[in-house]
C-alpha cells in the first residue's frame, strides 16, 4: 500500500484518510430514513385520509375532533415536506424597505 502525506503533514496508509463526507451532503442513513418515511406516507395516503376522517368526525366511543385531525395531518406532512424558514425583512430607519408590485395588462 502506498503511503500518503496528509494536509496536516502526517503520514497515512489510507488513500482516502481524512476526506470524510463533503459539507452539506446528507449521510446515507438519514437519506434512507427520509426515503422510507416518504414511501410509507405515499403508500398509505388513502388510509391516512380514512384515519383523519375518523378523528375529525368521531368513530366508536371517540367524539368528533376536527382540530386534532388537522394537528395530526400537520405532524405527518412536516416529515414529508420540509418547513420553510421564516425571514424578516427590515430596513434602516432613514431608508425603509419599499416593496413595489406592478401588474401588466
N, C-alpha and C. Protein backbone atom coordinates (compact mmCIF):
# COMPACT_ATOMS: atom_id res chain seq x y z
N UNK A 1 0.84 -1.18 0.00
CA UNK A 1 0.00 0.00 0.00
C UNK A 1 0.89 1.24 0.00
N UNK A 2 0.45 2.24 -0.68
CA UNK A 2 1.21 3.47 -0.84
C UNK A 2 1.00 4.39 0.37
N UNK A 3 2.09 4.99 0.84
CA UNK A 3 2.00 5.93 1.94
C UNK A 3 1.63 7.31 1.41
N UNK A 4 0.71 7.99 2.08
CA UNK A 4 0.22 9.29 1.64
C UNK A 4 0.54 10.33 2.71
N UNK A 5 1.00 11.49 2.29
CA UNK A 5 1.22 12.61 3.21
C UNK A 5 -0.04 13.46 3.22
N UNK A 6 -0.64 13.60 4.40
CA UNK A 6 -1.88 14.37 4.52
C UNK A 6 -1.59 15.87 4.57
N UNK A 7 -2.65 16.67 4.48
CA UNK A 7 -2.51 18.13 4.50
C UNK A 7 -1.86 18.62 5.79
N UNK A 8 -2.12 17.93 6.90
CA UNK A 8 -1.55 18.37 8.17
C UNK A 8 -0.12 17.88 8.37
N UNK A 9 0.45 17.20 7.34
CA UNK A 9 1.84 16.79 7.37
C UNK A 9 2.06 15.38 7.91
N UNK A 10 1.02 14.77 8.46
CA UNK A 10 1.17 13.41 8.99
C UNK A 10 1.09 12.40 7.87
N UNK A 11 1.68 11.22 8.11
CA UNK A 11 1.66 10.15 7.12
C UNK A 11 0.45 9.27 7.35
N UNK A 12 -0.10 8.73 6.26
CA UNK A 12 -1.26 7.87 6.34
C UNK A 12 -1.14 6.76 5.31
N UNK A 13 -1.57 5.55 5.70
CA UNK A 13 -1.60 4.43 4.76
C UNK A 13 -2.94 4.33 4.05
N UNK A 14 -3.88 5.13 4.46
CA UNK A 14 -5.21 5.09 3.86
C UNK A 14 -5.29 6.13 2.75
N UNK A 15 -5.61 5.73 1.52
CA UNK A 15 -5.65 6.69 0.41
C UNK A 15 -6.74 7.75 0.57
N UNK A 16 -7.83 7.42 1.27
CA UNK A 16 -8.92 8.39 1.46
C UNK A 16 -8.96 8.92 2.88
N UNK A 17 -7.91 8.73 3.63
CA UNK A 17 -7.89 9.13 5.03
C UNK A 17 -8.14 10.61 5.22
N UNK A 18 -9.08 10.95 6.10
CA UNK A 18 -9.35 12.34 6.44
C UNK A 18 -10.26 13.08 5.49
N UNK A 19 -10.69 12.45 4.41
CA UNK A 19 -11.53 13.17 3.44
C UNK A 19 -12.95 13.32 3.97
N UNK A 20 -13.55 12.24 4.43
CA UNK A 20 -14.89 12.31 5.00
C UNK A 20 -15.95 12.74 4.00
N UNK A 21 -17.13 13.03 4.53
CA UNK A 21 -18.26 13.44 3.69
C UNK A 21 -18.18 14.95 3.46
N UNK A 22 -18.42 15.41 2.23
CA UNK A 22 -18.37 16.85 1.97
C UNK A 22 -19.47 17.60 2.75
N UNK A 23 -19.23 18.86 3.12
CA UNK A 23 -20.24 19.64 3.85
C UNK A 23 -21.54 19.74 3.05
N UNK A 24 -22.66 19.61 3.76
CA UNK A 24 -23.97 19.73 3.12
C UNK A 24 -24.47 18.45 2.48
N UNK A 25 -23.64 17.43 2.43
CA UNK A 25 -24.04 16.16 1.83
C UNK A 25 -24.64 15.29 2.92
N UNK A 26 -25.93 14.88 2.81
CA UNK A 26 -26.56 14.10 3.88
C UNK A 26 -25.91 12.72 4.01
N UNK A 27 -25.87 12.21 5.24
CA UNK A 27 -25.30 10.89 5.39
C UNK A 27 -26.29 9.84 4.88
N UNK A 28 -25.81 8.65 4.62
CA UNK A 28 -26.59 7.61 3.96
C UNK A 28 -27.79 7.19 4.81
N UNK A 29 -27.61 7.06 6.13
CA UNK A 29 -28.70 6.62 7.00
C UNK A 29 -29.84 7.64 7.01
N UNK A 30 -29.51 8.93 7.07
CA UNK A 30 -30.54 9.97 7.06
C UNK A 30 -31.31 9.96 5.76
N UNK A 31 -30.60 9.83 4.66
CA UNK A 31 -31.25 9.79 3.35
C UNK A 31 -32.17 8.58 3.22
N UNK A 32 -31.72 7.42 3.70
CA UNK A 32 -32.54 6.22 3.63
C UNK A 32 -33.77 6.34 4.53
N UNK A 33 -33.63 6.96 5.70
CA UNK A 33 -34.76 7.15 6.60
C UNK A 33 -35.80 8.07 5.97
N UNK A 34 -35.34 9.15 5.34
CA UNK A 34 -36.28 10.07 4.68
C UNK A 34 -37.02 9.37 3.54
N UNK A 35 -36.31 8.55 2.78
CA UNK A 35 -36.95 7.82 1.68
C UNK A 35 -37.97 6.83 2.22
N UNK A 36 -37.66 6.17 3.35
CA UNK A 36 -38.59 5.21 3.94
C UNK A 36 -39.86 5.90 4.43
N UNK A 37 -39.71 7.06 5.06
CA UNK A 37 -40.88 7.82 5.53
C UNK A 37 -41.72 8.27 4.35
N UNK A 38 -41.07 8.77 3.30
CA UNK A 38 -41.80 9.22 2.11
C UNK A 38 -42.56 8.05 1.47
N UNK A 39 -41.92 6.89 1.38
CA UNK A 39 -42.57 5.72 0.81
C UNK A 39 -43.77 5.31 1.65
N UNK A 40 -43.62 5.31 2.99
CA UNK A 40 -44.72 4.95 3.88
C UNK A 40 -45.90 5.91 3.72
N UNK A 41 -45.60 7.20 3.71
CA UNK A 41 -46.67 8.20 3.57
C UNK A 41 -47.37 8.05 2.22
N UNK A 42 -46.58 7.91 1.15
CA UNK A 42 -47.16 7.79 -0.19
C UNK A 42 -48.01 6.53 -0.33
N UNK A 43 -47.55 5.42 0.22
CA UNK A 43 -48.30 4.16 0.06
C UNK A 43 -49.48 4.05 1.01
N UNK A 44 -49.57 4.92 2.01
CA UNK A 44 -50.69 4.88 2.95
C UNK A 44 -51.55 6.14 2.89
N UNK A 45 -51.43 6.90 1.82
CA UNK A 45 -52.19 8.16 1.70
C UNK A 45 -53.69 7.91 1.78
N UNK A 46 -54.18 6.87 1.11
CA UNK A 46 -55.61 6.59 1.15
C UNK A 46 -56.07 6.20 2.55
N UNK A 47 -55.24 5.47 3.29
CA UNK A 47 -55.58 5.10 4.67
C UNK A 47 -55.48 6.31 5.59
N UNK A 48 -54.52 7.19 5.34
CA UNK A 48 -54.35 8.38 6.15
C UNK A 48 -55.61 9.24 6.09
N UNK A 49 -56.20 9.35 4.91
CA UNK A 49 -57.44 10.11 4.76
C UNK A 49 -58.55 9.49 5.61
N UNK A 50 -58.65 8.18 5.58
CA UNK A 50 -59.67 7.49 6.40
C UNK A 50 -59.43 7.73 7.89
N UNK A 51 -58.17 7.63 8.32
CA UNK A 51 -57.85 7.84 9.74
C UNK A 51 -58.16 9.26 10.18
N UNK A 52 -57.81 10.22 9.35
CA UNK A 52 -58.07 11.62 9.70
C UNK A 52 -59.57 11.91 9.73
N UNK A 53 -60.31 11.32 8.77
CA UNK A 53 -61.77 11.48 8.77
C UNK A 53 -62.38 10.88 10.03
N UNK A 54 -61.86 9.73 10.47
CA UNK A 54 -62.38 9.09 11.68
C UNK A 54 -62.15 9.96 12.91
N UNK A 55 -61.00 10.61 12.97
CA UNK A 55 -60.71 11.51 14.11
C UNK A 55 -61.58 12.76 14.02
N UNK A 56 -61.68 13.33 12.84
CA UNK A 56 -62.45 14.57 12.67
C UNK A 56 -63.93 14.37 12.93
N UNK A 57 -64.47 13.26 12.42
CA UNK A 57 -65.91 13.02 12.51
C UNK A 57 -66.29 12.20 13.74
N UNK A 58 -65.32 11.58 14.37
CA UNK A 58 -65.57 10.72 15.52
C UNK A 58 -65.98 9.33 15.05
N UNK A 59 -65.52 8.32 15.76
CA UNK A 59 -65.90 6.95 15.44
C UNK A 59 -65.92 6.14 16.72
N UNK A 60 -66.88 5.25 16.84
CA UNK A 60 -67.00 4.45 18.05
C UNK A 60 -67.27 5.31 19.25
N UNK A 61 -66.44 5.18 20.26
CA UNK A 61 -66.58 5.95 21.50
C UNK A 61 -65.89 7.31 21.43
N UNK A 62 -65.18 7.58 20.35
CA UNK A 62 -64.45 8.84 20.22
C UNK A 62 -65.35 9.95 19.72
N UNK A 63 -65.24 11.11 20.36
CA UNK A 63 -66.02 12.28 19.94
C UNK A 63 -65.36 12.92 18.73
N UNK A 64 -66.14 13.61 17.89
CA UNK A 64 -65.55 14.33 16.76
C UNK A 64 -64.52 15.37 17.24
N UNK A 65 -63.39 15.42 16.55
CA UNK A 65 -62.35 16.36 16.94
C UNK A 65 -61.59 16.83 15.69
N UNK A 66 -62.19 17.77 14.92
CA UNK A 66 -61.53 18.24 13.70
C UNK A 66 -60.19 18.94 13.96
N UNK A 67 -60.07 19.61 15.09
CA UNK A 67 -58.81 20.30 15.40
C UNK A 67 -57.68 19.28 15.59
N UNK A 68 -57.96 18.18 16.26
CA UNK A 68 -56.96 17.13 16.45
C UNK A 68 -56.59 16.50 15.12
N UNK A 69 -57.57 16.30 14.24
CA UNK A 69 -57.31 15.73 12.92
C UNK A 69 -56.36 16.63 12.14
N UNK A 70 -56.60 17.93 12.20
CA UNK A 70 -55.71 18.87 11.50
C UNK A 70 -54.31 18.85 12.10
N UNK A 71 -54.21 18.77 13.41
CA UNK A 71 -52.92 18.71 14.10
C UNK A 71 -52.15 17.45 13.68
N UNK A 72 -52.84 16.32 13.59
CA UNK A 72 -52.21 15.08 13.14
C UNK A 72 -51.75 15.19 11.70
N UNK A 73 -52.56 15.79 10.85
CA UNK A 73 -52.20 15.98 9.45
C UNK A 73 -50.93 16.81 9.34
N UNK A 74 -50.86 17.91 10.08
CA UNK A 74 -49.67 18.76 10.06
C UNK A 74 -48.43 18.01 10.52
N UNK A 75 -48.58 17.18 11.54
CA UNK A 75 -47.42 16.46 12.06
C UNK A 75 -46.89 15.44 11.05
N UNK A 76 -47.77 14.85 10.25
CA UNK A 76 -47.33 13.90 9.23
C UNK A 76 -46.69 14.63 8.06
N UNK A 77 -47.30 15.69 7.62
CA UNK A 77 -46.79 16.46 6.47
C UNK A 77 -45.42 17.06 6.79
N UNK A 78 -45.21 17.43 8.04
CA UNK A 78 -43.95 18.04 8.46
C UNK A 78 -42.74 17.16 8.13
N UNK A 79 -42.92 15.84 8.17
CA UNK A 79 -41.80 14.93 7.89
C UNK A 79 -41.65 14.65 6.41
N UNK A 80 -42.66 14.95 5.64
CA UNK A 80 -42.62 14.66 4.21
C UNK A 80 -42.25 15.90 3.38
N UNK A 81 -42.69 17.06 3.84
CA UNK A 81 -42.40 18.32 3.16
C UNK A 81 -41.69 19.22 4.17
N UNK A 82 -40.47 19.64 3.89
CA UNK A 82 -39.74 20.44 4.87
C UNK A 82 -40.40 21.80 5.12
N UNK A 83 -40.26 22.27 6.35
CA UNK A 83 -40.80 23.58 6.70
C UNK A 83 -39.96 24.67 6.05
N UNK A 84 -40.61 25.75 5.69
CA UNK A 84 -39.90 26.91 5.15
C UNK A 84 -39.45 27.77 6.32
N UNK A 85 -38.27 28.28 6.24
CA UNK A 85 -37.76 29.15 7.29
C UNK A 85 -38.42 30.53 7.18
N UNK A 86 -38.74 31.08 8.31
CA UNK A 86 -39.31 32.43 8.31
C UNK A 86 -38.18 33.43 8.15
N UNK A 87 -38.48 34.48 7.42
CA UNK A 87 -37.48 35.52 7.21
C UNK A 87 -38.11 36.87 7.51
N UNK A 88 -37.32 37.71 8.14
CA UNK A 88 -37.79 39.05 8.46
C UNK A 88 -36.99 40.04 7.63
N UNK A 89 -37.68 40.93 6.98
CA UNK A 89 -37.02 41.96 6.18
C UNK A 89 -37.18 43.28 6.92
N UNK A 90 -36.04 43.87 7.26
CA UNK A 90 -36.08 45.15 7.97
C UNK A 90 -35.26 46.16 7.19
N UNK A 91 -35.64 47.38 7.33
CA UNK A 91 -34.92 48.46 6.65
C UNK A 91 -34.33 49.42 7.67
N UNK A 92 -33.52 50.28 7.18
CA UNK A 92 -32.92 51.32 8.00
C UNK A 92 -34.01 52.34 8.34
N UNK A 93 -33.93 52.96 9.51
CA UNK A 93 -34.95 53.95 9.89
C UNK A 93 -35.01 55.11 8.90
N UNK A 94 -33.86 55.48 8.36
CA UNK A 94 -33.81 56.61 7.43
C UNK A 94 -34.08 56.18 5.99
N UNK A 95 -33.92 54.90 5.71
CA UNK A 95 -34.16 54.40 4.35
C UNK A 95 -34.94 53.08 4.44
N UNK A 96 -36.25 53.17 4.71
CA UNK A 96 -37.04 51.95 4.88
C UNK A 96 -37.13 51.14 3.59
N UNK A 97 -37.36 49.85 3.76
CA UNK A 97 -37.51 48.96 2.61
C UNK A 97 -38.88 49.20 1.99
N UNK A 98 -38.93 49.34 0.66
CA UNK A 98 -40.20 49.55 -0.04
C UNK A 98 -40.41 48.41 -1.01
N UNK A 99 -41.62 47.88 -1.02
CA UNK A 99 -41.99 46.84 -1.97
C UNK A 99 -42.94 47.44 -2.98
N UNK A 100 -42.62 47.29 -4.25
CA UNK A 100 -43.46 47.82 -5.32
C UNK A 100 -43.96 46.63 -6.14
N UNK A 101 -45.26 46.52 -6.26
CA UNK A 101 -45.86 45.45 -7.05
C UNK A 101 -46.59 46.07 -8.22
N UNK A 102 -46.30 45.58 -9.42
CA UNK A 102 -46.95 46.12 -10.61
C UNK A 102 -47.55 44.98 -11.41
N UNK A 103 -48.71 45.23 -12.01
CA UNK A 103 -49.35 44.24 -12.88
C UNK A 103 -49.35 44.79 -14.30
N UNK A 104 -49.03 43.91 -15.21
CA UNK A 104 -49.09 44.31 -16.62
C UNK A 104 -50.38 43.76 -17.21
N UNK A 105 -50.96 44.54 -18.12
CA UNK A 105 -52.21 44.10 -18.77
C UNK A 105 -51.90 43.38 -20.04
